[in-house]
Amino acid sequence: MSIGAGIFLFVIGAVIRFALNVEVSWLDLPLVGNLLMGAGVLIFVLGLVSTFRRRRSVSTRRTVNGHGEVDGVTRTTREVDDPDL
């Protein structure tokens, strides 16, 4: 989602910056285009980082005997490189 939004913002910013020949006295359109392109690049990079980061899950299991005392604790850590798993 964020990768597509970043590309969209970059394209809209490029259109405003380079293809639009409109003079508005109260707004600097090339600056707005540059800001949108910068925001698009930033969102695109953040989307890539969040997509390819390492996923980690930690689960803890406690074994309790009949008297309510903890017999053992098992802690399992799982790291996944593939975000689809």
C-alpha atoms as a PDB file:
ATOM      1  CA  MET A   1       0.000   0.000   0.000  1.00  0.00           C
ATOM      2  CA  SER A   2       2.647   2.537   0.988  1.00  0.00           C
ATOM      3  CA  ILE A   3       4.866   1.676  -1.975  1.00  0.00           C
ATOM      4  CA  GLY A   4       2.038   2.486  -4.352  1.00  0.00           C
ATOM      5  CA  ALA A   5       1.161   5.652  -2.451  1.00  0.00           C
ATOM      6  CA  GLY A   6       4.784   6.784  -2.642  1.00  0.00           C
ATOM      7  CA  ILE A   7       4.895   6.249  -6.397  1.00  0.00           C
ATOM      8  CA  PHE A   8       1.571   8.056  -6.769  1.00  0.00           C
ATOM      9  CA  LEU A   9       2.776  11.083  -4.795  1.00  0.00           C
ATOM     10  CA  PHE A  10       6.012  11.204  -6.771  1.00  0.00           C
ATOM     11  CA  VAL A  11       4.170  11.129 -10.099  1.00  0.00           C
ATOM     12  CA  ILE A  12       1.690  13.822  -9.036  1.00  0.00           C
ATOM     13  CA  GLY A  13       4.576  15.968  -7.784  1.00  0.00           C
ATOM     14  CA  ALA A  14       6.473  15.520 -11.059  1.00  0.00           C
ATOM     15  CA  VAL A  15       3.404  16.520 -13.062  1.00  0.00           C
ATOM     16  CA  ILE A  16       2.910  19.629 -10.937  1.00  0.00           C
ATOM     17  CA  ARG A  17       6.616  20.508 -11.072  1.00  0.00           C
ATOM     18  CA  PHE A  18       7.421  19.890 -14.743  1.00  0.00           C
ATOM     19  CA  ALA A  19       4.216  19.678 -16.788  1.00  0.00           C
ATOM     20  CA  LEU A  20       1.993  22.336 -15.275  1.00  0.00           C
ATOM     21  CA  ASN A  21       2.438  25.853 -16.684  1.00  0.00           C
ATOM     22  CA  VAL A  22       0.046  27.766 -14.455  1.00  0.00           C
ATOM     23  CA  GLU A  23       0.937  30.936 -12.567  1.00  0.00           C
ATOM     24  CA  VAL A  24      -0.735  31.282  -9.197  1.00  0.00           C
ATOM     25  CA  SER A  25       0.161  34.351  -7.162  1.00  0.00           C
ATOM     26  CA  TRP A  26      -0.539  32.825  -3.743  1.00  0.00           C
ATOM     27  CA  LEU A  27       1.111  29.410  -4.345  1.00  0.00           C
ATOM     28  CA  ASP A  28       4.533  28.361  -5.612  1.00  0.00           C
ATOM     29  CA  LEU A  29       3.604  25.306  -7.716  1.00  0.00           C
ATOM     30  CA  PRO A  30       7.188  24.120  -8.408  1.00  0.00           C
ATOM     31  CA  LEU A  31       7.818  24.067  -4.661  1.00  0.00           C
ATOM     32  CA  VAL A  32       4.627  22.072  -4.069  1.00  0.00           C
ATOM     33  CA  GLY A  33       5.735  19.632  -6.778  1.00  0.00           C
ATOM     34  CA  ASN A  34       9.160  19.252  -5.177  1.00  0.00           C
ATOM     35  CA  LEU A  35       7.591  18.644  -1.766  1.00  0.00           C
ATOM     36  CA  LEU A  36       5.242  16.001  -3.155  1.00  0.00           C
ATOM     37  CA  MET A  37       8.099  14.249  -4.958  1.00  0.00           C
ATOM     38  CA  GLY A  38      10.177  14.260  -1.756  1.00  0.00           C
ATOM     39  CA  ALA A  39       7.295  12.885   0.279  1.00  0.00           C
ATOM     40  CA  GLY A  40       6.707  10.216  -2.354  1.00  0.00           C
ATOM     41  CA  VAL A  41      10.331   9.071  -2.219  1.00  0.00           C
ATOM     42  CA  LEU A  42      10.257   8.997   1.588  1.00  0.00           C
ATOM     43  CA  ILE A  43       7.035   6.969   1.715  1.00  0.00           C
ATOM     44  CA  PHE A  44       8.359   4.611  -0.966  1.00  0.00           C
ATOM     45  CA  VAL A  45      11.588   3.931   0.981  1.00  0.00           C
ATOM     46  CA  LEU A  46       9.709   3.445   4.260  1.00  0.00           C
ATOM     47  CA  GLY A  47       7.373   1.009   2.501  1.00  0.00           C
ATOM     48  CA  LEU A  48      10.326  -0.994   1.198  1.00  0.00           C
ATOM     49  CA  VAL A  49      11.958  -1.081   4.623  1.00  0.00           C
ATOM     50  CA  SER A  50       8.781  -2.276   6.314  1.00  0.00           C
ATOM     51  CA  THR A  51       8.245  -4.899   3.626  1.00  0.00           C
ATOM     52  CA  PHE A  52      11.707  -6.431   3.823  1.00  0.00           C
ATOM     53  CA  ARG A  53      12.474  -6.147   7.518  1.00  0.00           C
ATOM     54  CA  ARG A  54      13.044  -9.238   9.571  1.00  0.00           C
ATOM     55  CA  ARG A  55       9.962 -10.477  11.446  1.00  0.00           C
ATOM     56  CA  ARG A  56      10.402 -11.838  14.961  1.00  0.00           C
ATOM     57  CA  SER A  57       7.929 -13.586  17.226  1.00  0.00           C
ATOM     58  CA  VAL A  58       8.517 -14.717  20.802  1.00  0.00           C
ATOM     59  CA  SER A  59       6.287 -17.228  22.560  1.00  0.00           C
ATOM     60  CA  THR A  60       6.532 -18.310  26.184  1.00  0.00           C
ATOM     61  CA  ARG A  61       4.945 -21.462  27.599  1.00  0.00           C
ATOM     62  CA  ARG A  62       4.737 -22.200  31.315  1.00  0.00           C
ATOM     63  CA  THR A  63       4.077 -25.668  32.648  1.00  0.00           C
ATOM     64  CA  VAL A  64       2.134 -25.693  35.929  1.00  0.00           C
ATOM     65  CA  ASN A  65       1.826 -28.758  38.152  1.00  0.00           C
ATOM     66  CA  GLY A  66      -1.295 -29.736  40.097  1.00  0.00           C
ATOM     67  CA  HIS A  67      -0.376 -27.553  43.095  1.00  0.00           C
ATOM     68  CA  GLY A  68      -0.262 -24.306  41.128  1.00  0.00           C
ATOM     69  CA  GLU A  69       3.551 -24.180  41.023  1.00  0.00           C
ATOM     70  CA  VAL A  70       5.475 -23.534  37.808  1.00  0.00           C
ATOM     71  CA  ASP A  71       7.403 -26.632  36.737  1.00  0.00           C
ATOM     72  CA  GLY A  72       9.165 -25.155  33.706  1.00  0.00           C
ATOM     73  CA  VAL A  73       9.266 -22.243  31.311  1.00  0.00           C
ATOM     74  CA  THR A  74       9.927 -22.654  27.596  1.00  0.00           C
ATOM     75  CA  ARG A  75      10.711 -19.608  25.511  1.00  0.00           C
ATOM     76  CA  THR A  76      10.815 -19.903  21.739  1.00  0.00           C
ATOM     77  CA  THR A  77      12.075 -17.177  19.420  1.00  0.00           C
ATOM     78  CA  ARG A  78      11.357 -17.350  15.710  1.00  0.00           C
ATOM     79  CA  GLU A  79      12.854 -15.016  13.105  1.00  0.00           C
ATOM     80  CA  VAL A  80      11.463 -14.967   9.604  1.00  0.00           C
ATOM     81  CA  ASP A  81      13.180 -13.281   6.664  1.00  0.00           C
ATOM     82  CA  ASP A  82      10.280 -13.812   4.267  1.00  0.00           C
ATOM     83  CA  PRO A  83       7.330 -11.548   5.129  1.00  0.00           C
ATOM     84  CA  ASP A  84       4.867 -13.948   3.466  1.00  0.00           C
ATOM     85  CA  LEU A  85       5.418 -16.680   6.058  1.00  0.00           C
END
